[in-house]
C-alpha atoms as a PDB file:
ATOM      1  CA  MET A   1     -56.834  69.703 -20.104  1.00  0.00           C
ATOM      2  CA  GLY A   2     -54.505  72.988 -19.292  1.00  0.00           C
ATOM      3  CA  GLU A   3     -50.766  73.206 -17.903  1.00  0.00           C
ATOM      4  CA  SER A   4     -49.792  70.171 -15.721  1.00  0.00           C
ATOM      5  CA  VAL A   5     -48.109  72.840 -13.095  1.00  0.00           C
ATOM      6  CA  LEU A   6     -49.444  75.958 -12.596  1.00  0.00           C
ATOM      7  CA  THR A   7     -47.747  78.878 -10.539  1.00  0.00           C
ATOM      8  CA  GLU A   8     -49.111  81.926  -9.050  1.00  0.00           C
ATOM      9  CA  ILE A   9     -47.234  84.776  -7.170  1.00  0.00           C
ATOM     10  CA  ALA A  10     -48.566  87.246  -4.671  1.00  0.00           C
ATOM     11  CA  ASP A  11     -47.343  88.804  -1.690  1.00  0.00           C
ATOM     12  CA  GLY A  12     -43.858  87.053  -1.537  1.00  0.00           C
ATOM     13  CA  VAL A  13     -45.842  83.450  -1.771  1.00  0.00           C
ATOM     14  CA  ALA A  14     -45.937  81.690  -5.280  1.00  0.00           C
ATOM     15  CA  VAL A  15     -48.133  78.984  -5.333  1.00  0.00           C
ATOM     16  CA  ILE A  16     -46.856  76.066  -7.409  1.00  0.00           C
ATOM     17  CA  THR A  17     -50.010  73.531  -8.290  1.00  0.00           C
ATOM     18  CA  ILE A  18     -49.587  69.723  -9.853  1.00  0.00           C
ATOM     19  CA  ASN A  19     -52.769  70.309 -12.010  1.00  0.00           C
ATOM     20  CA  ARG A  20     -53.342  66.671 -12.832  1.00  0.00           C
ATOM     21  CA  PRO A  21     -56.583  66.075 -10.474  1.00  0.00           C
ATOM     22  CA  GLU A  22     -57.888  63.087 -13.338  1.00  0.00           C
ATOM     23  CA  ALA A  23     -54.645  61.220 -12.602  1.00  0.00           C
ATOM     24  CA  ARG A  24     -54.992  62.390  -8.757  1.00  0.00           C
ATOM     25  CA  ASN A  25     -51.360  64.256  -9.900  1.00  0.00           C
ATOM     26  CA  ALA A  26     -49.429  61.745 -10.619  1.00  0.00           C
ATOM     27  CA  VAL A  27     -46.265  62.513 -12.087  1.00  0.00           C
ATOM     28  CA  ASP A  28     -45.145  62.438 -15.655  1.00  0.00           C
ATOM     29  CA  ARG A  29     -42.395  64.317 -17.616  1.00  0.00           C
ATOM     30  CA  SER A  30     -44.536  67.046 -18.617  1.00  0.00           C
ATOM     31  CA  VAL A  31     -45.031  67.887 -14.329  1.00  0.00           C
ATOM     32  CA  ALA A  32     -41.761  67.035 -13.733  1.00  0.00           C
ATOM     33  CA  GLU A  33     -40.281  69.802 -16.273  1.00  0.00           C
ATOM     34  CA  GLY A  34     -42.990  72.112 -14.774  1.00  0.00           C
ATOM     35  CA  LEU A  35     -42.366  71.928 -11.440  1.00  0.00           C
ATOM     36  CA  ALA A  36     -38.493  72.499 -12.553  1.00  0.00           C
ATOM     37  CA  ALA A  37     -39.910  75.406 -14.472  1.00  0.00           C
ATOM     38  CA  ALA A  38     -41.525  76.578 -11.512  1.00  0.00           C
ATOM     39  CA  ILE A  39     -38.925  76.456  -9.039  1.00  0.00           C
ATOM     40  CA  ASP A  40     -36.240  77.985 -11.180  1.00  0.00           C
ATOM     41  CA  GLU A  41     -39.033  80.734 -11.445  1.00  0.00           C
ATOM     42  CA  LEU A  42     -39.376  81.052  -7.855  1.00  0.00           C
ATOM     43  CA  GLU A  43     -35.482  80.646  -7.317  1.00  0.00           C
ATOM     44  CA  GLU A  44     -35.586  83.861  -9.821  1.00  0.00           C
ATOM     45  CA  ARG A  45     -38.306  86.261  -8.842  1.00  0.00           C
ATOM     46  CA  SER A  46     -37.135  88.856  -6.451  1.00  0.00           C
ATOM     47  CA  ASP A  47     -40.939  89.203  -5.282  1.00  0.00           C
ATOM     48  CA  ALA A  48     -41.272  85.550  -4.013  1.00  0.00           C
ATOM     49  CA  VAL A  49     -39.948  85.013  -0.882  1.00  0.00           C
ATOM     50  CA  ILE A  50     -41.314  81.189  -0.146  1.00  0.00           C
ATOM     51  CA  GLY A  51     -42.896  78.686  -2.243  1.00  0.00           C
ATOM     52  CA  ILE A  52     -45.892  76.634  -1.564  1.00  0.00           C
ATOM     53  CA  LEU A  53     -46.520  72.847  -3.616  1.00  0.00           C
ATOM     54  CA  THR A  54     -49.506  71.653  -3.717  1.00  0.00           C
ATOM     55  CA  GLY A  55     -51.883  69.280  -6.091  1.00  0.00           C
ATOM     56  CA  ALA A  56     -55.644  69.995  -7.661  1.00  0.00           C
ATOM     57  CA  GLY A  57     -58.663  68.215  -6.942  1.00  0.00           C
ATOM     58  CA  GLY A  58     -57.856  67.457  -3.840  1.00  0.00           C
ATOM     59  CA  THR A  59     -54.918  64.778  -3.661  1.00  0.00           C
ATOM     60  CA  PHE A  60     -51.457  65.635  -3.573  1.00  0.00           C
ATOM     61  CA  CYS A  61     -49.709  63.548  -5.592  1.00  0.00           C
ATOM     62  CA  ALA A  62     -49.950  59.728  -6.123  1.00  0.00           C
ATOM     63  CA  GLY A  63     -46.418  59.724  -7.011  1.00  0.00           C
ATOM     64  CA  MET A  64     -44.868  58.459 -10.316  1.00  0.00           C
ATOM     65  CA  ASP A  65     -47.351  58.033 -13.262  1.00  0.00           C
ATOM     66  CA  LEU A  66     -46.975  54.494 -14.006  1.00  0.00           C
ATOM     67  CA  LYS A  67     -48.655  54.757 -17.595  1.00  0.00           C
ATOM     68  CA  ALA A  68     -46.401  56.923 -18.621  1.00  0.00           C
ATOM     69  CA  PHE A  69     -43.395  54.870 -17.480  1.00  0.00           C
ATOM     70  CA  THR A  70     -44.480  52.111 -19.289  1.00  0.00           C
ATOM     71  CA  ARG A  71     -44.763  54.509 -22.440  1.00  0.00           C
ATOM     72  CA  GLY A  72     -41.257  55.203 -21.740  1.00  0.00           C
ATOM     73  CA  GLU A  73     -41.552  58.488 -19.876  1.00  0.00           C
ATOM     74  CA  ARG A  74     -39.188  59.264 -16.889  1.00  0.00           C
ATOM     75  CA  PRO A  75     -40.349  61.908 -14.656  1.00  0.00           C
ATOM     76  CA  SER A  76     -36.846  62.918 -13.181  1.00  0.00           C
ATOM     77  CA  ILE A  77     -34.297  65.633 -14.464  1.00  0.00           C
ATOM     78  CA  PRO A  78     -31.344  65.127 -14.576  1.00  0.00           C
ATOM     79  CA  GLY A  79     -29.340  66.325 -11.559  1.00  0.00           C
ATOM     80  CA  ARG A  80     -32.525  67.880  -9.804  1.00  0.00           C
ATOM     81  CA  GLY A  81     -34.119  64.060  -9.307  1.00  0.00           C
ATOM     82  CA  PHE A  82     -38.168  63.238  -9.421  1.00  0.00           C
ATOM     83  CA  GLY A  83     -40.672  65.516 -10.511  1.00  0.00           C
ATOM     84  CA  GLY A  84     -37.509  68.039 -10.992  1.00  0.00           C
ATOM     85  CA  VAL A  85     -37.363  68.728  -7.077  1.00  0.00           C
ATOM     86  CA  THR A  86     -36.104  65.784  -4.736  1.00  0.00           C
ATOM     87  CA  GLU A  87     -32.247  65.995  -4.996  1.00  0.00           C
ATOM     88  CA  ARG A  88     -32.444  69.749  -5.465  1.00  0.00           C
ATOM     89  CA  PRO A  89     -34.719  71.706  -3.793  1.00  0.00           C
ATOM     90  CA  PRO A  90     -34.877  75.272  -4.054  1.00  0.00           C
ATOM     91  CA  SER A  91     -32.760  77.728  -1.851  1.00  0.00           C
ATOM     92  CA  LYS A  92     -35.768  79.606  -0.939  1.00  0.00           C
ATOM     93  CA  PRO A  93     -38.029  77.766   1.498  1.00  0.00           C
ATOM     94  CA  LEU A  94     -40.578  75.250  -0.177  1.00  0.00           C
ATOM     95  CA  LEU A  95     -43.662  74.648   1.751  1.00  0.00           C
ATOM     96  CA  ALA A  96     -45.977  71.324   1.031  1.00  0.00           C
ATOM     97  CA  ALA A  97     -49.783  71.980   1.392  1.00  0.00           C
ATOM     98  CA  VAL A  98     -51.122  68.435   1.670  1.00  0.00           C
ATOM     99  CA  GLU A  99     -54.823  67.074   0.890  1.00  0.00           C
ATOM    100  CA  GLY A 100     -55.519  63.457   0.313  1.00  0.00           C
ATOM    101  CA  TRP A 101     -52.643  61.438  -0.583  1.00  0.00           C
ATOM    102  CA  ALA A 102     -48.901  61.855  -0.778  1.00  0.00           C
ATOM    103  CA  LEU A 103     -47.950  58.529  -1.940  1.00  0.00           C
ATOM    104  CA  ALA A 104     -44.801  57.281  -3.167  1.00  0.00           C
ATOM    105  CA  GLY A 105     -43.207  59.489  -5.462  1.00  0.00           C
ATOM    106  CA  GLY A 106     -45.894  62.168  -3.681  1.00  0.00           C
ATOM    107  CA  CYS A 107     -44.672  61.764  -0.153  1.00  0.00           C
ATOM    108  CA  GLU A 108     -41.077  62.330  -1.554  1.00  0.00           C
ATOM    109  CA  LEU A 109     -42.155  65.312  -2.942  1.00  0.00           C
ATOM    110  CA  ALA A 110     -43.487  66.695   0.095  1.00  0.00           C
ATOM    111  CA  LEU A 111     -40.281  65.156   2.126  1.00  0.00           C
ATOM    112  CA  SER A 112     -37.916  67.756   0.049  1.00  0.00           C
ATOM    113  CA  CYS A 113     -39.846  70.616   1.130  1.00  0.00           C
ATOM    114  CA  ASP A 114     -38.934  72.616   4.303  1.00  0.00           C
ATOM    115  CA  LEU A 115     -42.640  72.792   5.781  1.00  0.00           C
ATOM    116  CA  ILE A 116     -45.995  71.037   5.207  1.00  0.00           C
ATOM    117  CA  VAL A 117     -49.363  71.788   6.256  1.00  0.00           C
ATOM    118  CA  ALA A 118     -52.082  68.846   5.956  1.00  0.00           C
ATOM    119  CA  SER A 119     -55.491  68.122   6.116  1.00  0.00           C
ATOM    120  CA  ARG A 120     -56.456  66.130   8.839  1.00  0.00           C
ATOM    121  CA  GLU A 121     -57.898  63.207   6.120  1.00  0.00           C
ATOM    122  CA  ALA A 122     -54.380  63.417   4.819  1.00  0.00           C
ATOM    123  CA  LYS A 123     -52.259  60.457   4.519  1.00  0.00           C
ATOM    124  CA  PHE A 124     -48.509  59.653   3.817  1.00  0.00           C
ATOM    125  CA  GLY A 125     -47.106  56.733   2.290  1.00  0.00           C
ATOM    126  CA  LEU A 126     -43.991  54.854   0.916  1.00  0.00           C
ATOM    127  CA  PRO A 127     -45.678  51.796  -0.657  1.00  0.00           C
ATOM    128  CA  GLU A 128     -42.807  50.991  -2.936  1.00  0.00           C
ATOM    129  CA  VAL A 129     -41.970  48.251  -1.465  1.00  0.00           C
ATOM    130  CA  LYS A 130     -45.755  46.644  -1.792  1.00  0.00           C
ATOM    131  CA  ARG A 131     -44.414  46.249  -5.679  1.00  0.00           C
ATOM    132  CA  GLY A 132     -40.911  44.618  -5.209  1.00  0.00           C
ATOM    133  CA  LEU A 133     -39.573  48.510  -5.341  1.00  0.00           C
ATOM    134  CA  VAL A 134     -37.292  50.708  -3.397  1.00  0.00           C
ATOM    135  CA  ALA A 135     -38.417  54.391  -2.445  1.00  0.00           C
ATOM    136  CA  ALA A 136     -34.885  56.013  -4.225  1.00  0.00           C
ATOM    137  CA  ALA A 137     -36.151  59.512  -4.753  1.00  0.00           C
ATOM    138  CA  GLY A 138     -34.811  60.875  -1.206  1.00  0.00           C
ATOM    139  CA  GLY A 139     -38.137  58.951   0.890  1.00  0.00           C
ATOM    140  CA  LEU A 140     -35.545  56.819   2.541  1.00  0.00           C
ATOM    141  CA  LEU A 141     -32.934  59.353   3.306  1.00  0.00           C
ATOM    142  CA  ARG A 142     -35.137  62.026   4.522  1.00  0.00           C
ATOM    143  CA  LEU A 143     -37.867  60.155   6.776  1.00  0.00           C
ATOM    144  CA  PRO A 144     -35.486  58.945   9.707  1.00  0.00           C
ATOM    145  CA  LYS A 145     -34.077  62.402  10.064  1.00  0.00           C
ATOM    146  CA  THR A 146     -37.580  63.827  11.005  1.00  0.00           C
ATOM    147  CA  LEU A 147     -39.329  60.621  12.360  1.00  0.00           C
ATOM    148  CA  PRO A 148     -37.959  57.948  15.201  1.00  0.00           C
ATOM    149  CA  TYR A 149     -35.661  55.802  13.481  1.00  0.00           C
ATOM    150  CA  GLN A 150     -38.159  53.020  14.265  1.00  0.00           C
ATOM    151  CA  LEU A 151     -41.275  54.966  13.122  1.00  0.00           C
ATOM    152  CA  ALA A 152     -39.550  55.326   9.750  1.00  0.00           C
ATOM    153  CA  MET A 153     -38.158  51.912   9.554  1.00  0.00           C
ATOM    154  CA  GLU A 154     -42.017  50.628  10.078  1.00  0.00           C
ATOM    155  CA  VAL A 155     -43.384  53.352   7.379  1.00  0.00           C
ATOM    156  CA  ALA A 156     -40.628  52.225   4.816  1.00  0.00           C
ATOM    157  CA  LEU A 157     -40.604  48.476   4.975  1.00  0.00           C
ATOM    158  CA  THR A 158     -44.529  47.743   5.808  1.00  0.00           C
ATOM    159  CA  GLY A 159     -45.433  50.467   3.203  1.00  0.00           C
ATOM    160  CA  ASP A 160     -48.477  51.024   4.870  1.00  0.00           C
ATOM    161  CA  PRO A 161     -49.718  54.883   5.518  1.00  0.00           C
ATOM    162  CA  LEU A 162     -48.824  57.388   8.145  1.00  0.00           C
ATOM    163  CA  THR A 163     -52.059  59.229   9.173  1.00  0.00           C
ATOM    164  CA  ALA A 164     -52.020  63.289   9.647  1.00  0.00           C
ATOM    165  CA  GLU A 165     -52.373  62.809  13.494  1.00  0.00           C
ATOM    166  CA  VAL A 166     -49.280  60.746  13.905  1.00  0.00           C
ATOM    167  CA  ALA A 167     -47.345  62.685  11.438  1.00  0.00           C
ATOM    168  CA  HIS A 168     -47.751  65.728  13.416  1.00  0.00           C
ATOM    169  CA  ALA A 169     -47.603  63.812  16.615  1.00  0.00           C
ATOM    170  CA  HIS A 170     -43.817  63.207  15.610  1.00  0.00           C
ATOM    171  CA  GLY A 171     -43.229  66.330  13.888  1.00  0.00           C
ATOM    172  CA  LEU A 172     -43.495  65.682  10.183  1.00  0.00           C
ATOM    173  CA  ILE A 173     -45.715  67.917   9.853  1.00  0.00           C
ATOM    174  CA  ASN A 174     -46.143  71.728  11.116  1.00  0.00           C
ATOM    175  CA  LYS A 175     -50.060  72.335  11.129  1.00  0.00           C
ATOM    176  CA  ILE A 176     -52.861  70.101  10.734  1.00  0.00           C
ATOM    177  CA  THR A 177     -56.254  71.428   9.131  1.00  0.00           C
ATOM    178  CA  GLU A 178     -59.924  70.963   8.518  1.00  0.00           C
ATOM    179  CA  PRO A 179     -59.775  68.829   5.224  1.00  0.00           C
ATOM    180  CA  GLY A 180     -60.091  71.329   2.393  1.00  0.00           C
ATOM    181  CA  GLU A 181     -58.459  73.963   4.436  1.00  0.00           C
ATOM    182  CA  ALA A 182     -54.460  72.807   3.638  1.00  0.00           C
ATOM    183  CA  LEU A 183     -53.885  75.552   1.304  1.00  0.00           C
ATOM    184  CA  ASN A 184     -55.289  77.861   3.082  1.00  0.00           C
ATOM    185  CA  GLY A 185     -53.046  76.736   6.008  1.00  0.00           C
ATOM    186  CA  ALA A 186     -50.127  76.985   4.248  1.00  0.00           C
ATOM    187  CA  ARG A 187     -50.891  80.564   2.847  1.00  0.00           C
ATOM    188  CA  GLU A 188     -51.130  81.779   6.748  1.00  0.00           C
ATOM    189  CA  LEU A 189     -47.756  79.872   7.396  1.00  0.00           C
ATOM    190  CA  ALA A 190     -46.033  81.141   4.274  1.00  0.00           C
ATOM    191  CA  ALA A 191     -47.339  84.872   4.786  1.00  0.00           C
ATOM    192  CA  ARG A 192     -45.806  84.563   8.470  1.00  0.00           C
ATOM    193  CA  VAL A 193     -42.376  83.694   6.513  1.00  0.00           C
ATOM    194  CA  ALA A 194     -43.040  86.236   3.262  1.00  0.00           C
ATOM    195  CA  ALA A 195     -43.426  89.158   6.144  1.00  0.00           C
ATOM    196  CA  ASN A 196     -39.341  88.855   6.761  1.00  0.00           C
ATOM    197  CA  GLY A 197     -36.134  89.548   5.366  1.00  0.00           C
ATOM    198  CA  PRO A 198     -35.747  87.691   2.339  1.00  0.00           C
ATOM    199  CA  LEU A 199     -31.829  87.284   1.971  1.00  0.00           C
ATOM    200  CA  ALA A 200     -32.104  86.247   5.929  1.00  0.00           C
ATOM    201  CA  ILE A 201     -34.829  84.110   4.872  1.00  0.00           C
ATOM    202  CA  ARG A 202     -32.807  82.438   2.290  1.00  0.00           C
ATOM    203  CA  ALA A 203     -29.617  82.071   4.267  1.00  0.00           C
ATOM    204  CA  THR A 204     -31.520  80.883   7.473  1.00  0.00           C
ATOM    205  CA  LYS A 205     -32.961  77.912   5.077  1.00  0.00           C
ATOM    206  CA  GLN A 206     -29.575  77.281   4.217  1.00  0.00           C
ATOM    207  CA  ILE A 207     -27.691  77.324   7.645  1.00  0.00           C
ATOM    208  CA  VAL A 208     -30.866  75.036   9.216  1.00  0.00           C
ATOM    209  CA  SER A 209     -30.405  72.723   5.967  1.00  0.00           C
ATOM    210  CA  GLY A 210     -26.989  72.504   6.306  1.00  0.00           C
ATOM    211  CA  ALA A 211     -26.944  72.082   9.935  1.00  0.00           C
ATOM    212  CA  VAL A 212     -27.732  68.148   9.645  1.00  0.00           C
ATOM    213  CA  ARG A 213     -24.771  67.138   8.253  1.00  0.00           C
ATOM    214  CA  TRP A 214     -21.954  69.712   8.925  1.00  0.00           C
ATOM    215  CA  THR A 215     -19.454  68.476  11.459  1.00  0.00           C
ATOM    216  CA  ASP A 216     -18.766  70.824  14.568  1.00  0.00           C
ATOM    217  CA  ALA A 217     -15.536  72.025  13.540  1.00  0.00           C
ATOM    218  CA  GLU A 218     -16.936  73.008  10.152  1.00  0.00           C
ATOM    219  CA  ALA A 219     -20.175  74.086  11.106  1.00  0.00           C
ATOM    220  CA  PHE A 220     -19.417  77.815  12.479  1.00  0.00           C
ATOM    221  CA  ALA A 221     -17.275  78.513   9.158  1.00  0.00           C
ATOM    222  CA  GLN A 222     -20.317  77.424   6.953  1.00  0.00           C
ATOM    223  CA  GLN A 223     -22.703  79.889   9.459  1.00  0.00           C
ATOM    224  CA  ARG A 224     -19.961  82.368   8.789  1.00  0.00           C
ATOM    225  CA  GLU A 225     -19.704  82.206   5.171  1.00  0.00           C
ATOM    226  CA  ILE A 226     -23.633  81.897   4.444  1.00  0.00           C
ATOM    227  CA  SER A 227     -24.443  84.901   7.214  1.00  0.00           C
ATOM    228  CA  SER A 228     -21.734  87.256   6.317  1.00  0.00           C
ATOM    229  CA  PRO A 229     -23.233  88.793   3.370  1.00  0.00           C
ATOM    230  CA  VAL A 230     -26.662  88.966   4.981  1.00  0.00           C
ATOM    231  CA  PHE A 231     -25.518  91.605   7.934  1.00  0.00           C
ATOM    232  CA  ALA A 232     -23.858  93.672   5.122  1.00  0.00           C
ATOM    233  CA  SER A 233     -26.819  94.038   3.284  1.00  0.00           C
ATOM    234  CA  ALA A 234     -28.711  97.170   3.038  1.00  0.00           C
ATOM    235  CA  ASP A 235     -31.971  95.172   4.260  1.00  0.00           C
ATOM    236  CA  ALA A 236     -29.966  94.622   7.530  1.00  0.00           C
ATOM    237  CA  GLN A 237     -29.599  98.155   8.504  1.00  0.00           C
ATOM    238  CA  GLU A 238     -33.409  98.300   7.032  1.00  0.00           C
ATOM    239  CA  GLY A 239     -35.023  95.730   9.707  1.00  0.00           C
ATOM    240  CA  ALA A 240     -32.768  97.650  12.419  1.00  0.00           C
ATOM    241  CA  ARG A 241     -34.018 101.104  11.742  1.00  0.00           C
ATOM    242  CA  ALA A 242     -37.550  99.990  11.283  1.00  0.00           C
ATOM    243  CA  PHE A 243     -37.291  98.124  14.768  1.00  0.00           C
ATOM    244  CA  ALA A 244     -36.158 101.622  16.013  1.00  0.00           C
ATOM    245  CA  GLU A 245     -38.676 103.889  14.251  1.00  0.00           C
ATOM    246  CA  LYS A 246     -41.294 101.340  15.469  1.00  0.00           C
ATOM    247  CA  ARG A 247     -42.567 100.945  11.950  1.00  0.00           C
ATOM    248  CA  LYS A 248     -42.292  97.204   9.141  1.00  0.00           C
ATOM    249  CA  PRO A 249     -39.412  96.891   7.239  1.00  0.00           C
ATOM    250  CA  VAL A 250     -39.708  97.404   3.583  1.00  0.00           C
ATOM    251  CA  TRP A 251     -37.378  95.038   2.244  1.00  0.00           C
ATOM    252  CA  ARG A 252     -35.739  95.593  -0.874  1.00  0.00           C
ATOM    253  CA  GLY A 253     -34.276  92.450  -0.941  1.00  0.00           C
ATOM    254  CA  GLU A 254     -30.178  93.401  -1.405  1.00  0.00           C
END
């Protein structure tokens, strides 16, 4: 059946695909290890500015592979969480391209991403409570940071799915596409990000994601520590020169 996770890197964008369509891309140990390796490659490759996480065969991810779980497999990586992603997302931006279901752990993988593009027919859900379980892979922690408190609580307590339309209306999704076009829509958004300075992109993600947990007293000090190397970089000089010369910058990532 081939590899359970596929990676393709081109034009500054790494497309990471969960490749178990016969199991609705449910996460077993091989997927968790494959995703962790793909994230490491995204982090290490200088030619990759942003990643796209998606699923093969019209489904994003149905969550944990329960059959594998009953065999004793654990689809988490110590220190990295479910699918090798949820507890330690990459320092580079990660974008979810969602078709069909993003369910349970699959929803939590999507919530681990910085941006989400979804098909109009996509649905997101944390149905763990329907099985007497808790969505403990980050879904309950991240959902109320984006959705209004009462809506986040309704999704979490009922276990009922959230449509792409409602998710988009409340800011959980950046862009809705027609069915089958989520990956193309994600590529378009990723290209807009990848056109920018790679050092600036990484630092900007770090500041925006950190802002929600920093106090006012420490926020500017943290921002200064992250941004100062960017201002001192060759890319910053190139960006200024390119603007003055009315041309596109040629980034070096240094």
